Structures are given as structure tokens and as C-alpha cells.
């Protein structure tokens, strides 16, 4: 496989190798590809979650909160978050 980089990208990689960040240009490119793979997985997960939310909206699976009820929603979110944090600290 042959990869063509811009002069700026090539200089960045060469500088990173000189600084000891990577053992070789190949190592730098491998790490870049690994990061791209992670980004693509996270993007796919985000798209799935967004679609689930849209599906819930379309199916009517949601609650509406007016200004007078928002404090209840926020209090519930904080309560659940604190409970989750306490549980995670125990494990």
C-alpha cells in the first residue's frame, strides 16, 4: 500500500519520530489508522443512538416537560446520577 501525505503531514510525522513520539513513520501511520477506527466506531454508535431517539419520538415514547416541571426532571437526573456514581465507587 502506498500512502500520499501532504508536505505538512509528512513534516509532522517526521518531527514526531525525531521527538521520540513514534519509533518510525509506519508506527505513526498505524496509530493514526487506529484512531480513525475508534472514531468511526464511536460515530456509528452515536448514529445508532440518534436513530433510537428519533424512533422513540416517532412512536410517542417520550415525556413532555413544561417550564413548571423542568425542576422535577433535573432533580430526577441528579438523583439518578448520584446513585450511579455511588454504585460505581463501590465496584
C-alpha atoms as a PDB file:
ATOM      1  CA  UNK A   1       0.000   0.000   0.000  1.00  0.00           C
ATOM      2  CA  UNK A   2       1.269   3.429  -0.868  1.00  0.00           C
ATOM      3  CA  UNK A   3       0.116   6.469   1.096  1.00  0.00           C
ATOM      4  CA  UNK A   4       0.454  10.035  -0.145  1.00  0.00           C
ATOM      5  CA  UNK A   5       0.658  12.721   2.502  1.00  0.00           C
ATOM      6  CA  UNK A   6       0.714  16.467   2.251  1.00  0.00           C
ATOM      7  CA  UNK A   7       4.098  18.051   2.947  1.00  0.00           C
ATOM      8  CA  UNK A   8       2.681  19.327   6.244  1.00  0.00           C
ATOM      9  CA  UNK A   9       1.532  15.854   7.289  1.00  0.00           C
ATOM     10  CA  UNK A  10       4.853  14.341   6.351  1.00  0.00           C
ATOM     11  CA  UNK A  11       6.743  17.024   8.305  1.00  0.00           C
ATOM     12  CA  UNK A  12       4.505  16.421  11.315  1.00  0.00           C
ATOM     13  CA  UNK A  13       5.217  12.697  11.267  1.00  0.00           C
ATOM     14  CA  UNK A  14       8.945  13.218  10.783  1.00  0.00           C
ATOM     15  CA  UNK A  15       9.038  15.673  13.685  1.00  0.00           C
ATOM     16  CA  UNK A  16       7.088  13.246  15.856  1.00  0.00           C
ATOM     17  CA  UNK A  17       9.594  10.487  15.084  1.00  0.00           C
ATOM     18  CA  UNK A  18      12.534  12.812  15.841  1.00  0.00           C
ATOM     19  CA  UNK A  19      10.903  13.773  19.151  1.00  0.00           C
ATOM     20  CA  UNK A  20      10.563  10.124  20.070  1.00  0.00           C
ATOM     21  CA  UNK A  21       6.790  10.099  19.958  1.00  0.00           C
ATOM     22  CA  UNK A  22       6.903   7.264  17.430  1.00  0.00           C
ATOM     23  CA  UNK A  23       9.597   4.732  16.613  1.00  0.00           C
ATOM     24  CA  UNK A  24       9.024   5.149  12.889  1.00  0.00           C
ATOM     25  CA  UNK A  25       6.731   6.789  10.348  1.00  0.00           C
ATOM     26  CA  UNK A  26       4.973   3.418   9.990  1.00  0.00           C
ATOM     27  CA  UNK A  27       4.184   3.465  13.713  1.00  0.00           C
ATOM     28  CA  UNK A  28       2.720   6.958  13.388  1.00  0.00           C
ATOM     29  CA  UNK A  29       0.505   5.945  10.477  1.00  0.00           C
ATOM     30  CA  UNK A  30      -0.615   2.778  12.301  1.00  0.00           C
ATOM     31  CA  UNK A  31      -1.666   4.836  15.306  1.00  0.00           C
ATOM     32  CA  UNK A  32      -3.477   7.301  13.053  1.00  0.00           C
ATOM     33  CA  UNK A  33      -5.437   4.440  11.489  1.00  0.00           C
ATOM     34  CA  UNK A  34      -6.257   3.026  14.924  1.00  0.00           C
ATOM     35  CA  UNK A  35      -7.606   6.416  15.993  1.00  0.00           C
ATOM     36  CA  UNK A  36      -9.657   6.612  12.800  1.00  0.00           C
ATOM     37  CA  UNK A  37     -11.116   3.171  13.540  1.00  0.00           C
ATOM     38  CA  UNK A  38     -12.098   4.289  17.062  1.00  0.00           C
ATOM     39  CA  UNK A  39     -13.649   7.471  15.683  1.00  0.00           C
ATOM     40  CA  UNK A  40     -15.653   5.543  13.104  1.00  0.00           C
ATOM     41  CA  UNK A  41     -16.950   3.099  15.756  1.00  0.00           C
ATOM     42  CA  UNK A  42     -17.953   5.982  18.023  1.00  0.00           C
ATOM     43  CA  UNK A  43     -19.671   7.743  15.126  1.00  0.00           C
ATOM     44  CA  UNK A  44     -21.611   4.574  14.256  1.00  0.00           C
ATOM     45  CA  UNK A  45     -22.673   4.214  17.909  1.00  0.00           C
ATOM     46  CA  UNK A  46     -23.783   7.842  18.005  1.00  0.00           C
ATOM     47  CA  UNK A  47     -25.793   7.428  14.815  1.00  0.00           C
ATOM     48  CA  UNK A  48     -27.482   4.357  16.307  1.00  0.00           C
ATOM     49  CA  UNK A  49     -28.396   6.266  19.469  1.00  0.00           C
ATOM     50  CA  UNK A  50     -29.730   9.215  17.478  1.00  0.00           C
ATOM     51  CA  UNK A  51     -31.849   6.864  15.374  1.00  0.00           C
ATOM     52  CA  UNK A  52     -33.188   5.204  18.541  1.00  0.00           C
ATOM     53  CA  UNK A  53     -34.154   8.647  19.840  1.00  0.00           C
ATOM     54  CA  UNK A  54     -35.858   9.552  16.587  1.00  0.00           C
ATOM     55  CA  UNK A  55     -37.707   6.227  16.596  1.00  0.00           C
ATOM     56  CA  UNK A  56     -38.853   6.876  20.180  1.00  0.00           C
ATOM     57  CA  UNK A  57     -40.121  10.315  19.207  1.00  0.00           C
ATOM     58  CA  UNK A  58     -41.975   8.948  16.206  1.00  0.00           C
ATOM     59  CA  UNK A  59     -43.552   6.185  18.311  1.00  0.00           C
ATOM     60  CA  UNK A  60     -44.567   8.649  21.034  1.00  0.00           C
ATOM     61  CA  UNK A  61     -42.191   7.224  23.635  1.00  0.00           C
ATOM     62  CA  UNK A  62     -41.289  10.452  25.374  1.00  0.00           C
ATOM     63  CA  UNK A  63     -42.470  12.810  28.085  1.00  0.00           C
ATOM     64  CA  UNK A  64     -43.043  16.498  27.647  1.00  0.00           C
ATOM     65  CA  UNK A  65     -41.902  18.864  30.357  1.00  0.00           C
ATOM     66  CA  UNK A  66     -43.101  22.414  30.655  1.00  0.00           C
ATOM     67  CA  UNK A  67     -41.168  25.131  32.426  1.00  0.00           C
ATOM     68  CA  UNK A  68     -43.063  24.357  35.631  1.00  0.00           C
ATOM     69  CA  UNK A  69     -41.951  20.703  35.601  1.00  0.00           C
ATOM     70  CA  UNK A  70     -38.335  21.068  34.457  1.00  0.00           C
ATOM     71  CA  UNK A  71     -37.035  21.285  38.009  1.00  0.00           C
ATOM     72  CA  UNK A  72     -38.531  17.851  38.692  1.00  0.00           C
ATOM     73  CA  UNK A  73     -36.754  16.437  35.642  1.00  0.00           C
ATOM     74  CA  UNK A  74     -33.428  17.973  36.667  1.00  0.00           C
ATOM     75  CA  UNK A  75     -33.813  16.740  40.250  1.00  0.00           C
ATOM     76  CA  UNK A  76     -34.518  13.227  38.953  1.00  0.00           C
ATOM     77  CA  UNK A  77     -31.487  13.315  36.650  1.00  0.00           C
ATOM     78  CA  UNK A  78     -29.265  14.448  39.519  1.00  0.00           C
ATOM     79  CA  UNK A  79     -30.688  11.767  41.829  1.00  0.00           C
ATOM     80  CA  UNK A  80     -30.076   9.010  39.268  1.00  0.00           C
ATOM     81  CA  UNK A  81     -26.594  10.333  38.521  1.00  0.00           C
ATOM     82  CA  UNK A  82     -25.633  10.407  42.183  1.00  0.00           C
ATOM     83  CA  UNK A  83     -26.979   6.881  42.656  1.00  0.00           C
ATOM     84  CA  UNK A  84     -24.998   5.645  39.656  1.00  0.00           C
ATOM     85  CA  UNK A  85     -21.831   7.363  40.852  1.00  0.00           C
ATOM     86  CA  UNK A  86     -22.202   5.838  44.324  1.00  0.00           C
ATOM     87  CA  UNK A  87     -22.689   2.397  42.785  1.00  0.00           C
ATOM     88  CA  UNK A  88     -19.611   2.790  40.542  1.00  0.00           C
ATOM     89  CA  UNK A  89     -17.497   3.851  43.518  1.00  0.00           C
ATOM     90  CA  UNK A  90     -18.430   0.649  45.339  1.00  0.00           C
ATOM     91  CA  UNK A  91     -17.237  -1.566  42.493  1.00  0.00           C
END
